[in-house]
Amino acid sequence: MRSLPEPRYPLLVALPGGRVQHAARLIGGGPAVNTLCRKRGTPTGDGDGLPYCAGCRNRPNPISQQSHL
């Protein structure tokens, strides 16, 4: 049986001073993250209630590109 790779962008985060939420992954062991729209920083929360980042929305999400074999 083939196992699936770990998702690259499983987190939704808000970055300091931001007004949107981003799709992100931890850098190393964290707490810093790298977002799908290529921003970096330490999250201030999950961004719940904030609009989704247009840059993250317009880039293809690697999770949706994975084969579920």
N, C-alpha and C. Protein backbone atom coordinates (compact mmCIF):
# COMPACT_ATOMS: atom_id res chain seq x y z
N MET A 1 0.85 -1.18 0.00
CA MET A 1 0.00 0.00 0.00
C MET A 1 0.89 1.24 0.00
N ARG A 2 0.53 2.18 -0.82
CA ARG A 2 1.30 3.42 -0.95
C ARG A 2 0.75 4.47 0.00
N SER A 3 1.63 5.12 0.76
CA SER A 3 1.17 6.17 1.69
C SER A 3 1.23 7.53 1.00
N LEU A 4 0.34 8.40 1.42
CA LEU A 4 0.29 9.75 0.86
C LEU A 4 1.33 10.63 1.52
N PRO A 5 1.91 11.56 0.77
CA PRO A 5 2.85 12.49 1.39
C PRO A 5 2.12 13.42 2.36
N GLU A 6 2.86 13.96 3.31
CA GLU A 6 2.28 14.90 4.26
C GLU A 6 1.84 16.16 3.52
N PRO A 7 0.65 16.69 3.80
CA PRO A 7 0.19 17.92 3.13
C PRO A 7 1.17 19.07 3.34
N ARG A 8 1.40 19.84 2.30
CA ARG A 8 2.35 20.95 2.39
C ARG A 8 1.75 22.19 3.03
N TYR A 9 0.48 22.46 2.81
CA TYR A 9 -0.13 23.68 3.32
C TYR A 9 -1.41 23.37 4.09
N PRO A 10 -1.27 22.72 5.25
CA PRO A 10 -2.47 22.34 5.99
C PRO A 10 -3.02 23.40 6.93
N LEU A 11 -2.28 24.48 7.18
CA LEU A 11 -2.68 25.47 8.19
C LEU A 11 -3.32 26.69 7.57
N LEU A 12 -4.23 27.31 8.31
CA LEU A 12 -4.73 28.64 7.99
C LEU A 12 -4.24 29.56 9.09
N VAL A 13 -3.56 30.65 8.72
CA VAL A 13 -2.96 31.54 9.71
C VAL A 13 -3.18 33.00 9.35
N ALA A 14 -3.10 33.85 10.38
CA ALA A 14 -3.03 35.30 10.21
C ALA A 14 -1.62 35.71 10.61
N LEU A 15 -1.01 36.60 9.84
CA LEU A 15 0.33 37.09 10.15
C LEU A 15 0.23 38.46 10.80
N PRO A 16 1.27 38.88 11.54
CA PRO A 16 1.23 40.17 12.21
C PRO A 16 0.91 41.32 11.25
N GLY A 17 -0.01 42.17 11.64
CA GLY A 17 -0.36 43.34 10.83
C GLY A 17 -1.21 43.02 9.62
N GLY A 18 -1.56 41.75 9.43
CA GLY A 18 -2.34 41.36 8.26
C GLY A 18 -3.83 41.43 8.51
N ARG A 19 -4.57 41.52 7.42
CA ARG A 19 -6.03 41.57 7.50
C ARG A 19 -6.68 40.44 6.72
N VAL A 20 -5.88 39.41 6.42
CA VAL A 20 -6.37 38.25 5.68
C VAL A 20 -5.80 36.98 6.30
N GLN A 21 -6.40 35.83 5.96
CA GLN A 21 -5.84 34.56 6.40
C GLN A 21 -5.13 33.90 5.21
N HIS A 22 -4.07 33.18 5.53
CA HIS A 22 -3.23 32.54 4.52
C HIS A 22 -3.21 31.03 4.70
N ALA A 23 -3.00 30.30 3.61
CA ALA A 23 -2.67 28.88 3.68
C ALA A 23 -1.17 28.82 3.96
N ALA A 24 -0.77 28.03 4.97
CA ALA A 24 0.63 28.04 5.39
C ALA A 24 1.11 26.66 5.82
N ARG A 25 2.43 26.54 5.90
CA ARG A 25 3.05 25.34 6.46
C ARG A 25 4.14 25.78 7.42
N LEU A 26 4.44 24.94 8.39
CA LEU A 26 5.49 25.26 9.35
C LEU A 26 6.84 25.19 8.67
N ILE A 27 7.75 26.06 9.09
CA ILE A 27 9.13 26.02 8.63
C ILE A 27 9.91 25.26 9.70
N GLY A 28 10.48 24.14 9.33
CA GLY A 28 11.17 23.30 10.31
C GLY A 28 10.17 22.82 11.35
N GLY A 29 10.48 23.04 12.61
CA GLY A 29 9.58 22.65 13.68
C GLY A 29 8.63 23.75 14.09
N GLY A 30 8.67 24.90 13.40
CA GLY A 30 7.80 26.03 13.74
C GLY A 30 8.46 26.89 14.80
N PRO A 31 7.89 27.95 15.26
CA PRO A 31 6.54 28.41 14.99
C PRO A 31 6.41 29.23 13.71
N ALA A 32 7.53 29.57 13.06
CA ALA A 32 7.46 30.35 11.83
C ALA A 32 6.81 29.53 10.72
N VAL A 33 6.12 30.25 9.81
CA VAL A 33 5.45 29.60 8.70
C VAL A 33 5.85 30.23 7.38
N ASN A 34 5.61 29.48 6.32
CA ASN A 34 5.79 29.92 4.96
C ASN A 34 4.40 29.80 4.32
N THR A 35 3.89 30.87 3.68
CA THR A 35 2.53 30.82 3.14
C THR A 35 2.56 30.43 1.67
N LEU A 36 1.40 30.05 1.17
CA LEU A 36 1.28 29.67 -0.23
C LEU A 36 1.60 30.85 -1.15
N CYS A 37 1.36 32.08 -0.69
CA CYS A 37 1.67 33.28 -1.48
C CYS A 37 3.09 33.79 -1.20
N ARG A 38 3.90 32.94 -0.55
CA ARG A 38 5.34 33.17 -0.33
C ARG A 38 5.69 34.22 0.72
N LYS A 39 4.82 34.41 1.69
CA LYS A 39 5.17 35.27 2.83
C LYS A 39 5.72 34.37 3.93
N ARG A 40 6.49 34.97 4.84
CA ARG A 40 7.03 34.25 6.00
C ARG A 40 6.75 35.05 7.24
N GLY A 41 6.60 34.36 8.34
CA GLY A 41 6.40 35.05 9.61
C GLY A 41 5.92 34.10 10.68
N THR A 42 5.73 34.66 11.87
CA THR A 42 5.18 33.90 12.99
C THR A 42 3.71 34.26 13.11
N PRO A 43 2.82 33.28 13.02
CA PRO A 43 1.39 33.57 13.05
C PRO A 43 0.94 34.22 14.35
N THR A 44 -0.09 35.06 14.24
CA THR A 44 -0.70 35.67 15.41
C THR A 44 -2.03 35.00 15.74
N GLY A 45 -2.45 34.07 14.90
CA GLY A 45 -3.70 33.34 15.11
C GLY A 45 -4.06 32.57 13.86
N ASP A 46 -5.29 32.05 13.83
CA ASP A 46 -5.70 31.25 12.67
C ASP A 46 -6.42 32.08 11.60
N GLY A 47 -6.67 33.35 11.87
CA GLY A 47 -7.31 34.20 10.88
C GLY A 47 -8.79 33.96 10.72
N ASP A 48 -9.41 33.24 11.67
CA ASP A 48 -10.83 32.95 11.60
C ASP A 48 -11.63 34.25 11.51
N GLY A 49 -12.50 34.34 10.54
CA GLY A 49 -13.32 35.53 10.35
C GLY A 49 -12.71 36.54 9.39
N LEU A 50 -11.45 36.33 9.01
CA LEU A 50 -10.80 37.23 8.05
C LEU A 50 -11.00 36.69 6.63
N PRO A 51 -11.01 37.57 5.63
CA PRO A 51 -11.12 37.09 4.25
C PRO A 51 -9.85 36.32 3.87
N TYR A 52 -9.99 35.44 2.88
CA TYR A 52 -8.87 34.63 2.42
C TYR A 52 -7.94 35.48 1.55
N CYS A 53 -6.66 35.31 1.69
CA CYS A 53 -5.65 36.03 0.92
C CYS A 53 -5.84 35.77 -0.58
N ALA A 54 -5.90 36.83 -1.38
CA ALA A 54 -6.07 36.67 -2.83
C ALA A 54 -4.88 35.95 -3.44
N GLY A 55 -3.67 36.21 -2.93
CA GLY A 55 -2.48 35.54 -3.44
C GLY A 55 -2.50 34.05 -3.19
N CYS A 56 -2.95 33.64 -2.01
CA CYS A 56 -3.06 32.21 -1.69
C CYS A 56 -4.19 31.58 -2.51
N ARG A 57 -5.28 32.30 -2.68
CA ARG A 57 -6.42 31.77 -3.43
C ARG A 57 -6.08 31.56 -4.90
N ASN A 58 -5.24 32.43 -5.48
CA ASN A 58 -4.92 32.36 -6.90
C ASN A 58 -3.79 31.40 -7.25
N ARG A 59 -3.07 30.88 -6.25
CA ARG A 59 -2.00 29.92 -6.51
C ARG A 59 -2.56 28.52 -6.35
N PRO A 60 -2.12 27.58 -7.18
CA PRO A 60 -2.62 26.21 -7.02
C PRO A 60 -2.15 25.61 -5.70
N ASN A 61 -3.07 25.02 -4.97
CA ASN A 61 -2.75 24.40 -3.68
C ASN A 61 -2.21 22.99 -3.92
N PRO A 62 -1.01 22.68 -3.42
CA PRO A 62 -0.45 21.35 -3.65
C PRO A 62 -1.33 20.23 -3.11
N ILE A 63 -2.13 20.49 -2.09
CA ILE A 63 -3.01 19.45 -1.55
C ILE A 63 -4.03 19.02 -2.61
N SER A 64 -4.59 19.98 -3.34
CA SER A 64 -5.59 19.64 -4.34
C SER A 64 -4.97 18.96 -5.55
N GLN A 65 -3.66 19.03 -5.72
CA GLN A 65 -2.97 18.42 -6.85
C GLN A 65 -2.53 17.00 -6.57
N GLN A 66 -2.64 16.55 -5.32
CA GLN A 66 -2.17 15.22 -4.96
C GLN A 66 -3.11 14.13 -5.44
N SER A 67 -2.53 13.03 -5.82
CA SER A 67 -3.30 11.85 -6.20
C SER A 67 -3.66 11.09 -4.92
N HIS A 68 -4.87 10.64 -4.83
CA HIS A 68 -5.32 9.91 -3.64
C HIS A 68 -5.34 8.41 -3.93
N LEU A 69 -4.20 7.87 -4.30
CA LEU A 69 -4.09 6.43 -4.60
C LEU A 69 -3.89 5.62 -3.37
